[in-house]
PDB file of N, CA and C in Angstrom:
ATOM      1  N   UNK A   1       0.746  -1.291  -0.050  1.00  0.00           N
ATOM      2  CA  UNK A   1       0.275   0.049   0.161  1.00  0.00           C
ATOM      3  C   UNK A   1       0.793   1.304   0.157  1.00  0.00           C
ATOM      4  N   UNK A   2       2.010   1.013   0.581  1.00  0.00           N
ATOM      5  CA  UNK A   2       2.547   2.643   0.618  1.00  0.00           C
ATOM      6  C   UNK A   2       3.186   2.751  -1.052  1.00  0.00           C
ATOM      7  N   UNK A   3       3.288   1.732  -1.917  1.00  0.00           N
ATOM      8  CA  UNK A   3       4.236   1.887  -2.710  1.00  0.00           C
ATOM      9  C   UNK A   3       3.235   2.766  -3.378  1.00  0.00           C
ATOM     10  N   UNK A   4       2.194   2.587  -3.322  1.00  0.00           N
ATOM     11  CA  UNK A   4       1.252   3.780  -3.776  1.00  0.00           C
ATOM     12  C   UNK A   4       1.159   5.511  -3.517  1.00  0.00           C
ATOM     13  N   UNK A   5       1.858   5.516  -2.604  1.00  0.00           N
ATOM     14  CA  UNK A   5       2.293   7.320  -2.091  1.00  0.00           C
ATOM     15  C   UNK A   5       3.607   7.543  -2.533  1.00  0.00           C
ATOM     16  N   UNK A   6       4.836   6.984  -2.958  1.00  0.00           N
ATOM     17  CA  UNK A   6       5.646   7.275  -3.537  1.00  0.00           C
ATOM     18  C   UNK A   6       5.850   8.525  -4.815  1.00  0.00           C
ATOM     19  N   UNK A   7       4.970   8.805  -5.955  1.00  0.00           N
ATOM     20  CA  UNK A   7       4.996   9.659  -6.637  1.00  0.00           C
ATOM     21  C   UNK A   7       3.580   9.784  -6.898  1.00  0.00           C
ATOM     22  N   UNK A   8       3.638  11.336  -7.056  1.00  0.00           N
ATOM     23  CA  UNK A   8       2.267  11.715  -7.929  1.00  0.00           C
ATOM     24  C   UNK A   8       2.011  10.840  -9.725  1.00  0.00           C
ATOM     25  N   UNK A   9       0.595  10.945  -9.211  1.00  0.00           N
ATOM     26  CA  UNK A   9       0.040  10.717 -11.065  1.00  0.00           C
ATOM     27  C   UNK A   9       0.684  11.147 -11.959  1.00  0.00           C
ATOM     28  N   UNK A  10       0.895  10.886 -13.180  1.00  0.00           N
ATOM     29  CA  UNK A  10       1.184  11.607 -14.328  1.00  0.00           C
ATOM     30  C   UNK A  10       1.093  13.239 -14.288  1.00  0.00           C
ATOM     31  N   UNK A  11       1.718  14.015 -14.835  1.00  0.00           N
ATOM     32  CA  UNK A  11       1.071  15.411 -15.126  1.00  0.00           C
ATOM     33  C   UNK A  11       1.585  16.422 -13.993  1.00  0.00           C
ATOM     34  N   UNK A  12       1.374  16.072 -12.739  1.00  0.00           N
ATOM     35  CA  UNK A  12       1.553  16.447 -11.476  1.00  0.00           C
ATOM     36  C   UNK A  12       3.015  17.198 -11.135  1.00  0.00           C
ATOM     37  N   UNK A  13       3.384  18.531 -10.423  1.00  0.00           N
ATOM     38  CA  UNK A  13       4.354  18.822 -10.324  1.00  0.00           C
ATOM     39  C   UNK A  13       4.315  18.593  -8.071  1.00  0.00           C
ATOM     40  N   UNK A  14       5.373  18.187  -7.813  1.00  0.00           N
ATOM     41  CA  UNK A  14       5.765  18.458  -7.030  1.00  0.00           C
ATOM     42  C   UNK A  14       6.378  19.063  -6.091  1.00  0.00           C
ATOM     43  N   UNK A  15       6.113  20.088  -5.076  1.00  0.00           N
ATOM     44  CA  UNK A  15       7.378  20.433  -4.289  1.00  0.00           C
ATOM     45  C   UNK A  15       7.474  20.506  -2.771  1.00  0.00           C
ATOM     46  N   UNK A  16       8.603  20.312  -1.916  1.00  0.00           N
ATOM     47  CA  UNK A  16       8.760  20.021  -0.644  1.00  0.00           C
ATOM     48  C   UNK A  16       9.664  20.861  -0.062  1.00  0.00           C
ATOM     49  N   UNK A  17       9.103  22.153   1.053  1.00  0.00           N
ATOM     50  CA  UNK A  17       9.993  22.889   1.245  1.00  0.00           C
ATOM     51  C   UNK A  17      10.079  22.529   3.027  1.00  0.00           C
ATOM     52  N   UNK A  18      11.246  23.202   3.396  1.00  0.00           N
ATOM     53  CA  UNK A  18      11.070  22.736   5.272  1.00  0.00           C
ATOM     54  C   UNK A  18      10.430  24.531   5.584  1.00  0.00           C
ATOM     55  N   UNK A  19       9.132  24.417   6.773  1.00  0.00           N
ATOM     56  CA  UNK A  19       8.730  25.660   6.620  1.00  0.00           C
ATOM     57  C   UNK A  19       8.871  25.808   8.092  1.00  0.00           C
ATOM     58  N   UNK A  20      10.258  25.762   8.893  1.00  0.00           N
ATOM     59  CA  UNK A  20       9.986  26.040   9.869  1.00  0.00           C
ATOM     60  C   UNK A  20      10.301  24.616  10.559  1.00  0.00           C
ATOM     61  N   UNK A  21       9.531  24.024  11.642  1.00  0.00           N
ATOM     62  CA  UNK A  21       9.361  22.823  12.377  1.00  0.00           C
ATOM     63  C   UNK A  21       8.377  21.840  11.341  1.00  0.00           C
ATOM     64  N   UNK A  22       7.676  22.593  10.597  1.00  0.00           N
ATOM     65  CA  UNK A  22       6.599  21.557   9.435  1.00  0.00           C
ATOM     66  C   UNK A  22       7.434  21.578   8.112  1.00  0.00           C
ATOM     67  N   UNK A  23       6.869  20.754   7.530  1.00  0.00           N
ATOM     68  CA  UNK A  23       7.339  20.728   5.675  1.00  0.00           C
ATOM     69  C   UNK A  23       5.933  21.144   4.926  1.00  0.00           C
ATOM     70  N   UNK A  24       6.377  22.275   4.226  1.00  0.00           N
ATOM     71  CA  UNK A  24       5.166  22.587   3.414  1.00  0.00           C
ATOM     72  C   UNK A  24       5.342  21.844   1.669  1.00  0.00           C
ATOM     73  N   UNK A  25       4.295  21.560   1.507  1.00  0.00           N
ATOM     74  CA  UNK A  25       4.096  20.708  -0.486  1.00  0.00           C
ATOM     75  C   UNK A  25       3.546  21.617  -0.530  1.00  0.00           C
ATOM     76  N   UNK A  26       3.607  21.753  -2.112  1.00  0.00           N
ATOM     77  CA  UNK A  26       2.570  21.768  -3.012  1.00  0.00           C
ATOM     78  C   UNK A  26       2.193  21.357  -4.251  1.00  0.00           C
ATOM     79  N   UNK A  27       1.614  21.023  -4.637  1.00  0.00           N
ATOM     80  CA  UNK A  27       0.792  19.667  -5.863  1.00  0.00           C
ATOM     81  C   UNK A  27       0.551  20.902  -7.051  1.00  0.00           C
ATOM     82  N   UNK A  28       1.101  20.914  -8.479  1.00  0.00           N
ATOM     83  CA  UNK A  28       0.741  21.575  -9.421  1.00  0.00           C
ATOM     84  C   UNK A  28       0.162  20.644 -10.409  1.00  0.00           C
ATOM     85  N   UNK A  29      -1.224  20.436 -10.916  1.00  0.00           N
ATOM     86  CA  UNK A  29      -1.767  19.722 -11.138  1.00  0.00           C
ATOM     87  C   UNK A  29      -1.785  20.225 -12.534  1.00  0.00           C
ATOM     88  N   UNK A  30      -2.100  19.164 -13.852  1.00  0.00           N
ATOM     89  CA  UNK A  30      -1.503  19.689 -15.307  1.00  0.00           C
ATOM     90  C   UNK A  30      -2.170  20.610 -15.636  1.00  0.00           C
ATOM     91  N   UNK A  31      -3.596  20.760 -15.031  1.00  0.00           N
ATOM     92  CA  UNK A  31      -4.224  22.172 -15.872  1.00  0.00           C
ATOM     93  C   UNK A  31      -4.247  23.597 -15.135  1.00  0.00           C
ATOM     94  N   UNK A  32      -2.560  23.351 -14.173  1.00  0.00           N
ATOM     95  CA  UNK A  32      -2.428  24.871 -13.814  1.00  0.00           C
ATOM     96  C   UNK A  32      -3.044  24.923 -12.627  1.00  0.00           C
ATOM     97  N   UNK A  33      -3.736  23.756 -11.973  1.00  0.00           N
ATOM     98  CA  UNK A  33      -3.910  24.308 -10.479  1.00  0.00           C
ATOM     99  C   UNK A  33      -3.424  23.553  -9.666  1.00  0.00           C
ATOM    100  N   UNK A  34      -3.207  24.390  -8.132  1.00  0.00           N
ATOM    101  CA  UNK A  34      -2.443  23.950  -6.970  1.00  0.00           C
ATOM    102  C   UNK A  34      -3.276  23.344  -5.771  1.00  0.00           C
ATOM    103  N   UNK A  35      -2.487  22.672  -4.666  1.00  0.00           N
ATOM    104  CA  UNK A  35      -3.080  22.054  -3.945  1.00  0.00           C
ATOM    105  C   UNK A  35      -2.129  22.343  -2.977  1.00  0.00           C
ATOM    106  N   UNK A  36      -1.981  22.659  -1.728  1.00  0.00           N
ATOM    107  CA  UNK A  36      -1.225  23.238  -0.606  1.00  0.00           C
ATOM    108  C   UNK A  36      -1.416  22.504   0.796  1.00  0.00           C
ATOM    109  N   UNK A  37      -0.256  22.080   1.628  1.00  0.00           N
ATOM    110  CA  UNK A  37      -0.795  21.696   2.909  1.00  0.00           C
ATOM    111  C   UNK A  37       0.406  21.481   3.671  1.00  0.00           C
ATOM    112  N   UNK A  38       0.600  21.095   4.874  1.00  0.00           N
ATOM    113  CA  UNK A  38       2.102  21.009   5.890  1.00  0.00           C
ATOM    114  C   UNK A  38       1.801  20.003   6.557  1.00  0.00           C
ATOM    115  N   UNK A  39       2.694  19.666   7.346  1.00  0.00           N
ATOM    116  CA  UNK A  39       3.023  18.147   7.529  1.00  0.00           C
ATOM    117  C   UNK A  39       4.160  18.458   8.393  1.00  0.00           C
ATOM    118  N   UNK A  40       3.949  17.276   9.304  1.00  0.00           N
ATOM    119  CA  UNK A  40       4.737  17.196  10.003  1.00  0.00           C
ATOM    120  C   UNK A  40       6.496  16.765  10.018  1.00  0.00           C
ATOM    121  N   UNK A  41       6.698  15.912   8.977  1.00  0.00           N
ATOM    122  CA  UNK A  41       8.021  15.737   8.719  1.00  0.00           C
ATOM    123  C   UNK A  41       7.790  15.344   6.817  1.00  0.00           C
ATOM    124  N   UNK A  42       8.943  15.807   6.386  1.00  0.00           N
ATOM    125  CA  UNK A  42       9.204  15.424   4.683  1.00  0.00           C
ATOM    126  C   UNK A  42       8.341  14.316   4.158  1.00  0.00           C
ATOM    127  N   UNK A  43       8.719  12.745   4.803  1.00  0.00           N
ATOM    128  CA  UNK A  43       8.099  11.705   4.148  1.00  0.00           C
ATOM    129  C   UNK A  43       6.556  12.101   4.033  1.00  0.00           C
ATOM    130  N   UNK A  44       5.571  12.369   5.352  1.00  0.00           N
ATOM    131  CA  UNK A  44       4.354  12.736   5.271  1.00  0.00           C
ATOM    132  C   UNK A  44       3.770  13.808   4.829  1.00  0.00           C
ATOM    133  N   UNK A  45       4.243  14.567   4.449  1.00  0.00           N
ATOM    134  CA  UNK A  45       4.149  15.957   3.417  1.00  0.00           C
ATOM    135  C   UNK A  45       4.105  15.503   1.601  1.00  0.00           C
ATOM    136  N   UNK A  46       5.125  14.731   1.646  1.00  0.00           N
ATOM    137  CA  UNK A  46       5.083  13.864   0.359  1.00  0.00           C
ATOM    138  C   UNK A  46       3.760  12.621   0.403  1.00  0.00           C
ATOM    139  N   UNK A  47       3.968  11.830   1.174  1.00  0.00           N
ATOM    140  CA  UNK A  47       2.590  11.026   1.023  1.00  0.00           C
ATOM    141  C   UNK A  47       0.971  12.003   0.959  1.00  0.00           C
ATOM    142  N   UNK A  48       0.691  12.800   1.841  1.00  0.00           N
ATOM    143  CA  UNK A  48      -0.181  13.483   1.668  1.00  0.00           C
ATOM    144  C   UNK A  48      -0.444  14.322   0.292  1.00  0.00           C
ATOM    145  N   UNK A  49       0.903  14.828  -0.084  1.00  0.00           N
ATOM    146  CA  UNK A  49       0.749  15.445  -1.835  1.00  0.00           C
ATOM    147  C   UNK A  49       0.336  14.773  -2.740  1.00  0.00           C
ATOM    148  N   UNK A  50       0.515  13.362  -2.222  1.00  0.00           N
ATOM    149  CA  UNK A  50       0.054  12.131  -3.714  1.00  0.00           C
ATOM    150  C   UNK A  50      -1.047  11.948  -3.307  1.00  0.00           C
ATOM    151  N   UNK A  51      -1.483  11.989  -2.102  1.00  0.00           N
ATOM    152  CA  UNK A  51      -3.121  11.476  -2.186  1.00  0.00           C
ATOM    153  C   UNK A  51      -3.521  12.644  -2.283  1.00  0.00           C
ATOM    154  N   UNK A  52      -3.668  13.711  -2.218  1.00  0.00           N
ATOM    155  CA  UNK A  52      -4.437  14.977  -2.794  1.00  0.00           C
ATOM    156  C   UNK A  52      -4.206  14.828  -4.157  1.00  0.00           C
ATOM    157  N   UNK A  53      -3.036  14.556  -4.995  1.00  0.00           N
ATOM    158  CA  UNK A  53      -3.356  14.417  -6.501  1.00  0.00           C
ATOM    159  C   UNK A  53      -4.057  13.426  -6.964  1.00  0.00           C
ATOM    160  N   UNK A  54      -3.656  12.013  -5.951  1.00  0.00           N
ATOM    161  CA  UNK A  54      -4.868  10.952  -6.212  1.00  0.00           C
ATOM    162  C   UNK A  54      -6.444  11.219  -6.515  1.00  0.00           C
ATOM    163  N   UNK A  55      -6.548  12.339  -5.340  1.00  0.00           N
ATOM    164  CA  UNK A  55      -8.195  12.641  -5.343  1.00  0.00           C
ATOM    165  C   UNK A  55      -8.629  13.379  -5.844  1.00  0.00           C
ATOM    166  N   UNK A  56      -7.529  14.272  -6.219  1.00  0.00           N
ATOM    167  CA  UNK A  56      -7.993  15.388  -7.266  1.00  0.00           C
ATOM    168  C   UNK A  56      -7.923  14.997  -8.459  1.00  0.00           C
ATOM    169  N   UNK A  57      -7.079  13.657  -9.264  1.00  0.00           N
ATOM    170  CA  UNK A  57      -7.200  13.151 -10.349  1.00  0.00           C
ATOM    171  C   UNK A  57      -8.868  12.412 -10.314  1.00  0.00           C
ATOM    172  N   UNK A  58      -9.338  11.781  -9.318  1.00  0.00           N
ATOM    173  CA  UNK A  58     -10.469  10.690  -9.177  1.00  0.00           C
ATOM    174  C   UNK A  58     -11.915  11.795  -9.660  1.00  0.00           C
ATOM    175  N   UNK A  59     -11.313  13.250  -8.685  1.00  0.00           N
ATOM    176  CA  UNK A  59     -12.591  13.871  -8.810  1.00  0.00           C
ATOM    177  C   UNK A  59     -12.901  14.793 -10.213  1.00  0.00           C
ATOM    178  N   UNK A  60     -11.919  14.817 -10.846  1.00  0.00           N
ATOM    179  CA  UNK A  60     -11.645  15.445 -12.220  1.00  0.00           C
ATOM    180  C   UNK A  60     -12.230  14.553 -13.200  1.00  0.00           C
ATOM    181  N   UNK A  61     -11.729  12.923 -13.216  1.00  0.00           N
ATOM    182  CA  UNK A  61     -12.643  11.686 -13.775  1.00  0.00           C
ATOM    183  C   UNK A  61     -14.013  11.525 -13.744  1.00  0.00           C
ATOM    184  N   UNK A  62     -14.666  11.606 -12.487  1.00  0.00           N
ATOM    185  CA  UNK A  62     -16.373  11.679 -12.418  1.00  0.00           C
ATOM    186  C   UNK A  62     -16.734  12.970 -13.112  1.00  0.00           C
ATOM    187  N   UNK A  63     -15.968  14.244 -12.793  1.00  0.00           N
ATOM    188  CA  UNK A  63     -16.367  14.965 -13.424  1.00  0.00           C
ATOM    189  C   UNK A  63     -16.625  15.526 -14.907  1.00  0.00           C
ATOM    190  N   UNK A  64     -15.439  14.599 -15.601  1.00  0.00           N
ATOM    191  CA  UNK A  64     -15.924  14.521 -16.875  1.00  0.00           C
ATOM    192  C   UNK A  64     -16.570  13.260 -17.350  1.00  0.00           C
ATOM    193  N   UNK A  65     -17.419  12.594 -16.435  1.00  0.00           N
ATOM    194  CA  UNK A  65     -18.072  11.500 -16.359  1.00  0.00           C
ATOM    195  C   UNK A  65     -20.127  12.205 -16.018  1.00  0.00           C
ATOM    196  N   UNK A  66     -19.367  13.721 -15.886  1.00  0.00           N
ATOM    197  CA  UNK A  66     -20.868  14.173 -15.350  1.00  0.00           C
ATOM    198  C   UNK A  66     -21.977  14.193 -14.601  1.00  0.00           C
ATOM    199  N   UNK A  67     -20.939  12.979 -13.325  1.00  0.00           N
ATOM    200  CA  UNK A  67     -22.206  12.848 -12.187  1.00  0.00           C
ATOM    201  C   UNK A  67     -22.251  13.667 -11.506  1.00  0.00           C
TER     202      UNK A  67
END
């Protein structure tokens, strides 16, 4: 299961930055939208961003189906 969260889906750009005692992540989607968040460590920030990418991709597929 952990392998699913190693890299974002194709076309997404991931940026991780140390922000004091936390890590900031920013995910830029292929259409130019961006998602951001904070996490306590680098590994958690990466998993959070990849999870957000998977969720955004799923929502986009649902939107395209017009549900």
